[in-house]
């Protein structure tokens, strides 16, 4: 066998092996990205939270649910303070979490008379749904929750989101004009960009690898999810949503956030300067603004909501949601 023929055969085999590797790795990546292990709503923790809310706020934690457009049963806690101001706040947790994670934020609003809704995102906690879709389906879930809350609290409805909840909240603003304002911490700008960065960090190959040699693995994962679940994950695009929305958004980012670096919030603010404000928190890690300075966090978020305290009189039907 001549040397050129041998080199050609080695090249062909390498390409075939690489294609097989990309196919297998892509399917695995798709499964771990949308079929997340659930963190159940612990009964003992729930009992403690109910007792604390009753003791500190003289309020009850009510179990509530609604049905998503695809039939998924979505679960939440609803808490109305003893002296309600007629306004409400939805608080959205991050990836892999559940409503328990956000109860501390609920205290901020309950102490100022806001009713609080703490939903489990689809495929999280006690909520159903076949897959987590990072906002593609969840934005319509939020629209439905806002409609549910507005039947009980006629004043402004606001939203606080953390990490994945921040990205979902921003996407929801494009289809939920009844939201008076949102505050989101550690949001990402685009699904692809955060995908490159998170995979680069977790694999230690760096984002450049996933934008180049590793990109076929990502494309296989995206194509497989679209084929199996009908979900095109790059449509989880907060940047596009804030450009379409007119809901005021406070973007919060920490200078030492390695999970979702602050440049994502900066890029978001750059495309919605008319209705978005940016608060960079020195020394804050991922979702850590309140840890750095809880008093300032509460002051900033409450101030943002109070500055946009005008209930929307005319309700426009939300844009249709498509998983395609």
Foldseek 3Di string as FASTA:
>chain_A
DDPVVVVVVVVVVVVVVLVVVLLVLLQVVLCCAWQPDADADDPVLVVVLQVVCCVPFVWGWDWDWDAFPVRKIKIKTKIFGPQAPLEAEEEAEAPRAAQSVCVVVVVLVSVVRHIYIRIGFDSYHPIHDPTDQLQQRRLRVVLVVVVVVCVPRVWAYEYEYFESGLLNVLLNQLFRVQHLAYEYELYAAWPLVLVLQQCCVVVVVHSVCCVPVVVSSNVSSQVVCCVPPVARNRVSGSLVSLLNGQRAYEYEYECAASSRHPVRVVSSCVNNVPRYHYDYAYPAYRVRNCVVPVVVVSVVVVVVCVVRGDGDPDDDHTDDRDRD
